[in-house]
All heavy atoms as atom14 arrays in JSON, in Angstrom:
{
  "sequence": "RSLKVLDGGIGVFCGSGGVEPQSETNWRYANESEVARCIFVNKLD",
  "atom14_mask": [
    [1, 1, 1, 1, 1, 1, 1, 1, 1, 1, 1, 0, 0, 0],
    [1, 1, 1, 1, 1, 1, 0, 0, 0, 0, 0, 0, 0, 0],
    [1, 1, 1, 1, 1, 1, 1, 1, 0, 0, 0, 0, 0, 0],
    [1, 1, 1, 1, 1, 1, 1, 1, 1, 0, 0, 0, 0, 0],
    [1, 1, 1, 1, 1, 1, 1, 0, 0, 0, 0, 0, 0, 0],
    [1, 1, 1, 1, 1, 1, 1, 1, 0, 0, 0, 0, 0, 0],
    [1, 1, 1, 1, 1, 1, 1, 1, 0, 0, 0, 0, 0, 0],
    [1, 1, 1, 1, 0, 0, 0, 0, 0, 0, 0, 0, 0, 0],
    [1, 1, 1, 1, 0, 0, 0, 0, 0, 0, 0, 0, 0, 0],
    [1, 1, 1, 1, 1, 1, 1, 1, 0, 0, 0, 0, 0, 0],
    [1, 1, 1, 1, 0, 0, 0, 0, 0, 0, 0, 0, 0, 0],
    [1, 1, 1, 1, 1, 1, 1, 0, 0, 0, 0, 0, 0, 0],
    [1, 1, 1, 1, 1, 1, 1, 1, 1, 1, 1, 0, 0, 0],
    [1, 1, 1, 1, 1, 1, 0, 0, 0, 0, 0, 0, 0, 0],
    [1, 1, 1, 1, 0, 0, 0, 0, 0, 0, 0, 0, 0, 0],
    [1, 1, 1, 1, 1, 1, 0, 0, 0, 0, 0, 0, 0, 0],
    [1, 1, 1, 1, 0, 0, 0, 0, 0, 0, 0, 0, 0, 0],
    [1, 1, 1, 1, 0, 0, 0, 0, 0, 0, 0, 0, 0, 0],
    [1, 1, 1, 1, 1, 1, 1, 0, 0, 0, 0, 0, 0, 0],
    [1, 1, 1, 1, 1, 1, 1, 1, 1, 0, 0, 0, 0, 0],
    [1, 1, 1, 1, 1, 1, 1, 0, 0, 0, 0, 0, 0, 0],
    [1, 1, 1, 1, 1, 1, 1, 1, 1, 0, 0, 0, 0, 0],
    [1, 1, 1, 1, 1, 1, 0, 0, 0, 0, 0, 0, 0, 0],
    [1, 1, 1, 1, 1, 1, 1, 1, 1, 0, 0, 0, 0, 0],
    [1, 1, 1, 1, 1, 1, 1, 0, 0, 0, 0, 0, 0, 0],
    [1, 1, 1, 1, 1, 1, 1, 1, 0, 0, 0, 0, 0, 0],
    [1, 1, 1, 1, 1, 1, 1, 1, 1, 1, 1, 1, 1, 1],
    [1, 1, 1, 1, 1, 1, 1, 1, 1, 1, 1, 0, 0, 0],
    [1, 1, 1, 1, 1, 1, 1, 1, 1, 1, 1, 1, 0, 0],
    [1, 1, 1, 1, 1, 0, 0, 0, 0, 0, 0, 0, 0, 0],
    [1, 1, 1, 1, 1, 1, 1, 1, 0, 0, 0, 0, 0, 0],
    [1, 1, 1, 1, 1, 1, 1, 1, 1, 0, 0, 0, 0, 0],
    [1, 1, 1, 1, 1, 1, 0, 0, 0, 0, 0, 0, 0, 0],
    [1, 1, 1, 1, 1, 1, 1, 1, 1, 0, 0, 0, 0, 0],
    [1, 1, 1, 1, 1, 1, 1, 0, 0, 0, 0, 0, 0, 0],
    [1, 1, 1, 1, 1, 0, 0, 0, 0, 0, 0, 0, 0, 0],
    [1, 1, 1, 1, 1, 1, 1, 1, 1, 1, 1, 0, 0, 0],
    [1, 1, 1, 1, 1, 1, 0, 0, 0, 0, 0, 0, 0, 0],
    [1, 1, 1, 1, 1, 1, 1, 1, 0, 0, 0, 0, 0, 0],
    [1, 1, 1, 1, 1, 1, 1, 1, 1, 1, 1, 0, 0, 0],
    [1, 1, 1, 1, 1, 1, 1, 0, 0, 0, 0, 0, 0, 0],
    [1, 1, 1, 1, 1, 1, 1, 1, 0, 0, 0, 0, 0, 0],
    [1, 1, 1, 1, 1, 1, 1, 1, 1, 0, 0, 0, 0, 0],
    [1, 1, 1, 1, 1, 1, 1, 1, 0, 0, 0, 0, 0, 0],
    [1, 1, 1, 1, 1, 1, 1, 1, 0, 0, 0, 0, 0, 0]
  ],
  "atom14_positions": [
    [[4.73, -7.29, -15.22], [4.65, -5.91, -15.67], [3.5, -5.16, -15.02], [3.53, -3.95, -14.86], [4.58, -5.83, -17.18], [3.37, -6.44, -17.82], [3.28, -5.93, -19.24], [2.63, -6.87, -20.13], [2.94, -6.93, -21.41], [3.87, -6.19, -21.92], [2.28, -7.77, -22.19], [0.0, 0.0, 0.0], [0.0, 0.0, 0.0], [0.0, 0.0, 0.0]],
    [[2.45, -5.9, -14.6], [1.34, -5.24, -13.91], [1.79, -4.8, -12.52], [1.5, -3.69, -12.07], [0.14, -6.16, -13.78], [-0.25, -6.62, -15.05], [0.0, 0.0, 0.0], [0.0, 0.0, 0.0], [0.0, 0.0, 0.0], [0.0, 0.0, 0.0], [0.0, 0.0, 0.0], [0.0, 0.0, 0.0], [0.0, 0.0, 0.0], [0.0, 0.0, 0.0]],
    [[2.53, -5.69, -11.82], [3.0, -5.36, -10.47], [3.88, -4.12, -10.49], [3.9, -3.34, -9.56], [3.8, -6.52, -9.89], [2.96, -7.69, -9.37], [3.85, -8.89, -9.11], [2.23, -7.3, -8.1], [0.0, 0.0, 0.0], [0.0, 0.0, 0.0], [0.0, 0.0, 0.0], [0.0, 0.0, 0.0], [0.0, 0.0, 0.0], [0.0, 0.0, 0.0]],
    [[4.6, -3.97, -11.59], [5.55, -2.86, -11.72], [4.83, -1.51, -11.59], [5.4, -0.55, -11.1], [6.21, -2.99, -13.1], [7.2, -1.95, -13.42], [8.57, -2.36, -13.0], [9.53, -1.23, -13.24], [10.55, -1.1, -12.27], [0.0, 0.0, 0.0], [0.0, 0.0, 0.0], [0.0, 0.0, 0.0], [0.0, 0.0, 0.0], [0.0, 0.0, 0.0]],
    [[3.58, -1.44, -12.07], [2.91, -0.13, -12.11], [1.8, -0.01, -11.07], [1.06, 0.95, -11.06], [2.33, 0.15, -13.51], [3.43, 0.21, -14.53], [1.29, -0.88, -13.9], [0.0, 0.0, 0.0], [0.0, 0.0, 0.0], [0.0, 0.0, 0.0], [0.0, 0.0, 0.0], [0.0, 0.0, 0.0], [0.0, 0.0, 0.0], [0.0, 0.0, 0.0]],
    [[1.66, -1.02, -10.19], [0.59, -0.97, -9.2], [1.12, -0.51, -7.85], [2.3, -0.62, -7.57], [-0.02, -2.37, -9.04], [-0.71, -2.86, -10.3], [-1.07, -4.32, -10.17], [-1.95, -2.05, -10.56], [0.0, 0.0, 0.0], [0.0, 0.0, 0.0], [0.0, 0.0, 0.0], [0.0, 0.0, 0.0], [0.0, 0.0, 0.0], [0.0, 0.0, 0.0]],
    [[0.21, -0.03, -7.01], [0.62, 0.39, -5.66], [0.23, -0.66, -4.63], [0.74, -0.68, -3.52], [-0.05, 1.71, -5.29], [0.19, 2.77, -6.36], [1.32, 2.8, -6.87], [-0.73, 3.52, -6.68], [0.0, 0.0, 0.0], [0.0, 0.0, 0.0], [0.0, 0.0, 0.0], [0.0, 0.0, 0.0], [0.0, 0.0, 0.0], [0.0, 0.0, 0.0]],
    [[-0.73, -1.51, -4.98], [-1.19, -2.52, -4.01], [-1.79, -3.69, -4.76], [-1.98, -3.64, -5.97], [0.0, 0.0, 0.0], [0.0, 0.0, 0.0], [0.0, 0.0, 0.0], [0.0, 0.0, 0.0], [0.0, 0.0, 0.0], [0.0, 0.0, 0.0], [0.0, 0.0, 0.0], [0.0, 0.0, 0.0], [0.0, 0.0, 0.0], [0.0, 0.0, 0.0]],
    [[-2.09, -4.76, -4.04], [-2.66, -5.92, -4.73], [-3.53, -6.75, -3.8], [-3.51, -6.57, -2.58], [0.0, 0.0, 0.0], [0.0, 0.0, 0.0], [0.0, 0.0, 0.0], [0.0, 0.0, 0.0], [0.0, 0.0, 0.0], [0.0, 0.0, 0.0], [0.0, 0.0, 0.0], [0.0, 0.0, 0.0], [0.0, 0.0, 0.0], [0.0, 0.0, 0.0]],
    [[-4.3, -7.64, -4.42], [-5.06, -8.62, -3.65], [-4.55, -9.98, -4.11], [-4.65, -10.31, -5.29], [-6.58, -8.52, -3.93], [-7.1, -7.12, -3.61], [-7.34, -9.56, -3.11], [-8.56, -6.9, -3.99], [0.0, 0.0, 0.0], [0.0, 0.0, 0.0], [0.0, 0.0, 0.0], [0.0, 0.0, 0.0], [0.0, 0.0, 0.0], [0.0, 0.0, 0.0]],
    [[-3.97, -10.74, -3.19], [-3.53, -12.1, -3.52], [-4.7, -13.02, -3.23], [-5.19, -13.06, -2.1], [0.0, 0.0, 0.0], [0.0, 0.0, 0.0], [0.0, 0.0, 0.0], [0.0, 0.0, 0.0], [0.0, 0.0, 0.0], [0.0, 0.0, 0.0], [0.0, 0.0, 0.0], [0.0, 0.0, 0.0], [0.0, 0.0, 0.0], [0.0, 0.0, 0.0]],
    [[-5.16, -13.73, -4.25], [-6.32, -14.62, -4.06], [-5.82, -16.06, -3.93], [-5.02, -16.51, -4.75], [-7.3, -14.51, -5.26], [-8.5, -15.41, -5.06], [-7.75, -13.07, -5.44], [0.0, 0.0, 0.0], [0.0, 0.0, 0.0], [0.0, 0.0, 0.0], [0.0, 0.0, 0.0], [0.0, 0.0, 0.0], [0.0, 0.0, 0.0], [0.0, 0.0, 0.0]],
    [[-6.27, -16.74, -2.89], [-5.9, -18.15, -2.72], [-7.17, -18.98, -2.67], [-8.18, -18.54, -2.13], [-5.1, -18.35, -1.43], [-3.8, -17.61, -1.43], [-3.64, -16.45, -0.68], [-2.75, -18.04, -2.21], [-2.44, -15.74, -0.72], [-1.56, -17.34, -2.24], [-1.4, -16.19, -1.5], [0.0, 0.0, 0.0], [0.0, 0.0, 0.0], [0.0, 0.0, 0.0]],
    [[-7.09, -20.19, -3.23], [-8.26, -21.06, -3.23], [-8.38, -21.73, -1.86], [-7.4, -22.24, -1.33], [-8.09, -22.11, -4.32], [-9.29, -23.43, -4.22], [0.0, 0.0, 0.0], [0.0, 0.0, 0.0], [0.0, 0.0, 0.0], [0.0, 0.0, 0.0], [0.0, 0.0, 0.0], [0.0, 0.0, 0.0], [0.0, 0.0, 0.0], [0.0, 0.0, 0.0]],
    [[-9.59, -21.71, -1.28], [-9.81, -22.26, 0.06], [-9.48, -23.73, 0.17], [-9.09, -24.22, 1.24], [0.0, 0.0, 0.0], [0.0, 0.0, 0.0], [0.0, 0.0, 0.0], [0.0, 0.0, 0.0], [0.0, 0.0, 0.0], [0.0, 0.0, 0.0], [0.0, 0.0, 0.0], [0.0, 0.0, 0.0], [0.0, 0.0, 0.0], [0.0, 0.0, 0.0]],
    [[-9.59, -24.48, -0.96], [-9.26, -25.9, -0.86], [-7.86, -26.18, -1.42], [-7.12, -26.99, -0.9], [-10.3, -26.77, -1.57], [-10.38, -26.43, -2.93], [0.0, 0.0, 0.0], [0.0, 0.0, 0.0], [0.0, 0.0, 0.0], [0.0, 0.0, 0.0], [0.0, 0.0, 0.0], [0.0, 0.0, 0.0], [0.0, 0.0, 0.0], [0.0, 0.0, 0.0]],
    [[-7.45, -25.46, -2.48], [-6.13, -25.69, -3.08], [-5.01, -25.05, -2.29], [-3.87, -25.51, -2.32], [0.0, 0.0, 0.0], [0.0, 0.0, 0.0], [0.0, 0.0, 0.0], [0.0, 0.0, 0.0], [0.0, 0.0, 0.0], [0.0, 0.0, 0.0], [0.0, 0.0, 0.0], [0.0, 0.0, 0.0], [0.0, 0.0, 0.0], [0.0, 0.0, 0.0]],
    [[-5.32, -23.95, -1.59], [-4.31, -23.28, -0.77], [-3.26, -22.54, -1.58], [-3.53, -22.02, -2.65], [0.0, 0.0, 0.0], [0.0, 0.0, 0.0], [0.0, 0.0, 0.0], [0.0, 0.0, 0.0], [0.0, 0.0, 0.0], [0.0, 0.0, 0.0], [0.0, 0.0, 0.0], [0.0, 0.0, 0.0], [0.0, 0.0, 0.0], [0.0, 0.0, 0.0]],
    [[-2.05, -22.54, -1.06], [-0.95, -21.83, -1.72], [-0.36, -22.75, -2.78], [0.35, -23.7, -2.46], [0.13, -21.42, -0.7], [1.29, -20.74, -1.4], [-0.47, -20.49, 0.35], [0.0, 0.0, 0.0], [0.0, 0.0, 0.0], [0.0, 0.0, 0.0], [0.0, 0.0, 0.0], [0.0, 0.0, 0.0], [0.0, 0.0, 0.0], [0.0, 0.0, 0.0]],
    [[-0.66, -22.47, -4.05], [-0.23, -23.37, -5.13], [1.04, -22.82, -5.78], [1.41, -21.68, -5.55], [-1.39, -23.49, -6.13], [-2.58, -24.21, -5.51], [-3.86, -24.09, -6.31], [-4.45, -23.01, -6.34], [-4.25, -25.08, -6.92], [0.0, 0.0, 0.0], [0.0, 0.0, 0.0], [0.0, 0.0, 0.0], [0.0, 0.0, 0.0], [0.0, 0.0, 0.0]],
    [[1.7, -23.66, -6.6], [3.02, -23.26, -7.13], [3.03, -21.87, -7.75], [3.91, -21.06, -7.49], [3.3, -24.32, -8.2], [2.52, -25.51, -7.79], [1.33, -25.02, -7.02], [0.0, 0.0, 0.0], [0.0, 0.0, 0.0], [0.0, 0.0, 0.0], [0.0, 0.0, 0.0], [0.0, 0.0, 0.0], [0.0, 0.0, 0.0], [0.0, 0.0, 0.0]],
    [[2.02, -21.58, -8.58], [2.05, -20.31, -9.29], [1.85, -19.12, -8.34], [2.39, -18.06, -8.56], [0.97, -20.31, -10.37], [1.1, -19.19, -11.35], [2.49, -19.08, -11.92], [3.13, -20.08, -12.19], [2.98, -17.89, -12.07], [0.0, 0.0, 0.0], [0.0, 0.0, 0.0], [0.0, 0.0, 0.0], [0.0, 0.0, 0.0], [0.0, 0.0, 0.0]],
    [[1.05, -19.34, -7.27], [0.86, -18.21, -6.35], [2.18, -17.87, -5.69], [2.44, -16.73, -5.33], [-0.22, -18.5, -5.3], [-0.48, -19.85, -5.13], [0.0, 0.0, 0.0], [0.0, 0.0, 0.0], [0.0, 0.0, 0.0], [0.0, 0.0, 0.0], [0.0, 0.0, 0.0], [0.0, 0.0, 0.0], [0.0, 0.0, 0.0], [0.0, 0.0, 0.0]],
    [[3.03, -18.89, -5.54], [4.35, -18.65, -4.95], [5.2, -17.75, -5.85], [5.83, -16.81, -5.38], [5.06, -20.0, -4.82], [5.63, -20.25, -3.47], [6.22, -21.65, -3.4], [5.48, -22.63, -3.58], [7.42, -21.74, -3.17], [0.0, 0.0, 0.0], [0.0, 0.0, 0.0], [0.0, 0.0, 0.0], [0.0, 0.0, 0.0], [0.0, 0.0, 0.0]],
    [[5.2, -18.06, -7.16], [5.99, -17.24, -8.11], [5.48, -15.81, -8.09], [6.25, -14.85, -8.03], [5.84, -17.81, -9.54], [6.1, -19.21, -9.5], [6.81, -17.15, -10.5], [0.0, 0.0, 0.0], [0.0, 0.0, 0.0], [0.0, 0.0, 0.0], [0.0, 0.0, 0.0], [0.0, 0.0, 0.0], [0.0, 0.0, 0.0], [0.0, 0.0, 0.0]],
    [[4.14, -15.65, -8.17], [3.57, -14.3, -8.2], [3.85, -13.55, -6.91], [4.1, -12.34, -6.91], [2.06, -14.37, -8.44], [1.75, -14.85, -9.84], [2.6, -14.79, -10.72], [0.55, -15.32, -10.07], [0.0, 0.0, 0.0], [0.0, 0.0, 0.0], [0.0, 0.0, 0.0], [0.0, 0.0, 0.0], [0.0, 0.0, 0.0], [0.0, 0.0, 0.0]],
    [[3.8, -14.27, -5.79], [4.07, -13.65, -4.49], [5.52, -13.15, -4.45], [5.81, -12.07, -3.96], [3.81, -14.66, -3.38], [3.73, -14.04, -2.03], [4.74, -13.94, -1.11], [2.58, -13.42, -1.43], [4.29, -13.3, 0.01], [2.96, -12.97, -0.14], [1.27, -13.22, -1.83], [2.09, -12.33, 0.72], [0.4, -12.58, -0.98], [0.8, -12.13, 0.29]],
    [[6.41, -13.97, -5.02], [7.82, -13.6, -5.04], [8.02, -12.32, -5.89], [8.75, -11.42, -5.5], [8.65, -14.75, -5.61], [10.13, -14.63, -5.32], [10.9, -15.84, -5.79], [10.94, -15.93, -7.24], [10.51, -16.98, -7.93], [9.99, -18.02, -7.3], [10.57, -17.0, -9.24], [0.0, 0.0, 0.0], [0.0, 0.0, 0.0], [0.0, 0.0, 0.0]],
    [[7.34, -12.28, -7.05], [7.41, -11.08, -7.89], [6.93, -9.86, -7.11], [7.52, -8.79, -7.17], [6.51, -11.23, -9.12], [7.12, -12.01, -10.26], [6.32, -12.68, -11.17], [8.49, -12.05, -10.45], [6.86, -13.39, -12.23], [9.04, -12.76, -11.5], [8.23, -13.42, -12.39], [8.77, -14.11, -13.44], [0.0, 0.0, 0.0], [0.0, 0.0, 0.0]],
    [[5.81, -10.04, -6.37], [5.23, -8.92, -5.63], [6.19, -8.47, -4.53], [6.32, -7.27, -4.26], [3.88, -9.3, -5.05], [0.0, 0.0, 0.0], [0.0, 0.0, 0.0], [0.0, 0.0, 0.0], [0.0, 0.0, 0.0], [0.0, 0.0, 0.0], [0.0, 0.0, 0.0], [0.0, 0.0, 0.0], [0.0, 0.0, 0.0], [0.0, 0.0, 0.0]],
    [[6.88, -9.44, -3.9], [7.87, -9.07, -2.88], [9.0, -8.24, -3.5], [9.44, -7.25, -2.94], [8.48, -10.31, -2.22], [7.53, -10.94, -1.22], [6.57, -10.31, -0.78], [7.78, -12.19, -0.86], [0.0, 0.0, 0.0], [0.0, 0.0, 0.0], [0.0, 0.0, 0.0], [0.0, 0.0, 0.0], [0.0, 0.0, 0.0], [0.0, 0.0, 0.0]],
    [[9.47, -8.7, -4.69], [10.56, -7.98, -5.35], [10.13, -6.57, -5.72], [10.91, -5.63, -5.66], [11.0, -8.74, -6.61], [11.82, -9.98, -6.29], [11.99, -10.9, -7.51], [11.68, -10.47, -8.64], [12.4, -12.06, -7.32], [0.0, 0.0, 0.0], [0.0, 0.0, 0.0], [0.0, 0.0, 0.0], [0.0, 0.0, 0.0], [0.0, 0.0, 0.0]],
    [[8.86, -6.42, -6.12], [8.36, -5.09, -6.5], [7.91, -4.3, -5.28], [7.43, -3.17, -5.42], [7.19, -5.22, -7.47], [7.54, -6.0, -8.58], [0.0, 0.0, 0.0], [0.0, 0.0, 0.0], [0.0, 0.0, 0.0], [0.0, 0.0, 0.0], [0.0, 0.0, 0.0], [0.0, 0.0, 0.0], [0.0, 0.0, 0.0], [0.0, 0.0, 0.0]],
    [[7.99, -4.93, -4.08], [7.58, -4.28, -2.83], [6.16, -3.7, -2.9], [5.93, -2.53, -2.61], [8.58, -3.18, -2.44], [9.95, -3.77, -2.12], [10.97, -2.74, -1.68], [10.64, -1.54, -1.69], [12.09, -3.13, -1.32], [0.0, 0.0, 0.0], [0.0, 0.0, 0.0], [0.0, 0.0, 0.0], [0.0, 0.0, 0.0], [0.0, 0.0, 0.0]],
    [[5.23, -4.54, -3.32], [3.83, -4.12, -3.44], [3.06, -4.57, -2.19], [3.12, -5.74, -1.82], [3.2, -4.75, -4.7], [1.71, -4.5, -4.74], [3.86, -4.18, -5.95], [0.0, 0.0, 0.0], [0.0, 0.0, 0.0], [0.0, 0.0, 0.0], [0.0, 0.0, 0.0], [0.0, 0.0, 0.0], [0.0, 0.0, 0.0], [0.0, 0.0, 0.0]],
    [[2.35, -3.62, -1.55], [1.54, -3.97, -0.38], [0.33, -4.8, -0.84], [-0.22, -4.56, -1.91], [1.05, -2.7, 0.3], [0.0, 0.0, 0.0], [0.0, 0.0, 0.0], [0.0, 0.0, 0.0], [0.0, 0.0, 0.0], [0.0, 0.0, 0.0], [0.0, 0.0, 0.0], [0.0, 0.0, 0.0], [0.0, 0.0, 0.0], [0.0, 0.0, 0.0]],
    [[-0.06, -5.8, -0.04], [-1.15, -6.68, -0.48], [-2.12, -7.0, 0.65], [-1.74, -7.04, 1.82], [-0.59, -8.04, -0.92], [0.01, -8.09, -2.28], [1.19, -9.05, -2.34], [2.37, -8.4, -1.8], [3.5, -9.0, -1.56], [3.64, -10.28, -1.81], [4.51, -8.34, -1.06], [0.0, 0.0, 0.0], [0.0, 0.0, 0.0], [0.0, 0.0, 0.0]],
    [[-3.37, -7.27, 0.26], [-4.32, -7.95, 1.14], [-4.42, -9.38, 0.62], [-4.14, -9.64, -0.54], [-5.71, -7.35, 1.04], [-5.81, -5.7, 1.66], [0.0, 0.0, 0.0], [0.0, 0.0, 0.0], [0.0, 0.0, 0.0], [0.0, 0.0, 0.0], [0.0, 0.0, 0.0], [0.0, 0.0, 0.0], [0.0, 0.0, 0.0], [0.0, 0.0, 0.0]],
    [[-4.85, -10.29, 1.49], [-5.03, -11.68, 1.05], [-6.53, -11.98, 1.09], [-7.22, -11.59, 2.04], [-4.27, -12.63, 1.97], [-2.75, -12.44, 1.77], [-4.66, -14.09, 1.72], [-1.89, -13.2, 2.76], [0.0, 0.0, 0.0], [0.0, 0.0, 0.0], [0.0, 0.0, 0.0], [0.0, 0.0, 0.0], [0.0, 0.0, 0.0], [0.0, 0.0, 0.0]],
    [[-7.02, -12.65, 0.05], [-8.42, -13.06, 0.04], [-8.46, -14.57, -0.17], [-8.02, -15.06, -1.21], [-9.19, -12.34, -1.07], [-10.62, -12.79, -1.23], [-11.48, -12.81, -0.13], [-11.11, -13.19, -2.46], [-12.8, -13.23, -0.27], [-12.42, -13.61, -2.61], [-13.28, -13.63, -1.51], [0.0, 0.0, 0.0], [0.0, 0.0, 0.0], [0.0, 0.0, 0.0]],
    [[-8.91, -15.3, 0.85], [-9.03, -16.76, 0.71], [-10.44, -17.03, 0.15], [-11.44, -16.81, 0.82], [-8.81, -17.47, 2.06], [-8.95, -18.98, 1.89], [-7.42, -17.14, 2.59], [0.0, 0.0, 0.0], [0.0, 0.0, 0.0], [0.0, 0.0, 0.0], [0.0, 0.0, 0.0], [0.0, 0.0, 0.0], [0.0, 0.0, 0.0], [0.0, 0.0, 0.0]],
    [[-10.46, -17.48, -1.1], [-11.7, -17.6, -1.86], [-12.24, -19.04, -1.83], [-11.58, -19.95, -1.33], [-11.37, -17.17, -3.3], [-12.6, -17.02, -4.18], [-13.72, -16.92, -3.68], [-12.39, -17.02, -5.48], [0.0, 0.0, 0.0], [0.0, 0.0, 0.0], [0.0, 0.0, 0.0], [0.0, 0.0, 0.0], [0.0, 0.0, 0.0], [0.0, 0.0, 0.0]],
    [[-13.39, -19.24, -2.39], [-13.97, -20.58, -2.6], [-14.17, -21.36, -1.3], [-13.92, -22.57, -1.25], [-13.09, -21.4, -3.56], [-12.94, -20.77, -4.93], [-12.38, -21.74, -5.95], [-12.3, -21.09, -7.33], [-11.84, -21.97, -8.37], [0.0, 0.0, 0.0], [0.0, 0.0, 0.0], [0.0, 0.0, 0.0], [0.0, 0.0, 0.0], [0.0, 0.0, 0.0]],
    [[-14.57, -20.65, -0.23], [-14.78, -21.37, 1.04], [-16.06, -22.21, 1.01], [-16.32, -22.96, 1.94], [-14.82, -20.38, 2.21], [-13.45, -19.82, 2.6], [-13.54, -18.96, 3.83], [-12.43, -20.94, 2.85], [0.0, 0.0, 0.0], [0.0, 0.0, 0.0], [0.0, 0.0, 0.0], [0.0, 0.0, 0.0], [0.0, 0.0, 0.0], [0.0, 0.0, 0.0]],
    [[-16.84, -22.06, -0.07], [-18.05, -22.88, -0.18], [-17.74, -24.23, -0.83], [-18.62, -25.06, -1.02], [-19.1, -22.14, -1.01], [-18.53, -21.72, -2.37], [-17.34, -21.38, -2.42], [-19.27, -21.74, -3.36], [0.0, 0.0, 0.0], [0.0, 0.0, 0.0], [0.0, 0.0, 0.0], [0.0, 0.0, 0.0], [0.0, 0.0, 0.0], [0.0, 0.0, 0.0]]
  ]
}
């Protein structure tokens, strides 16, 4: 429901965990809602 009302998003991925199952579901939702995104790879320390 948040994606529905947003114009853009930041997809955060863990630097060691990478693309995890839930990020896939959320990414799919964002694709369906056609939301533009930046990607931030976090936890590089």
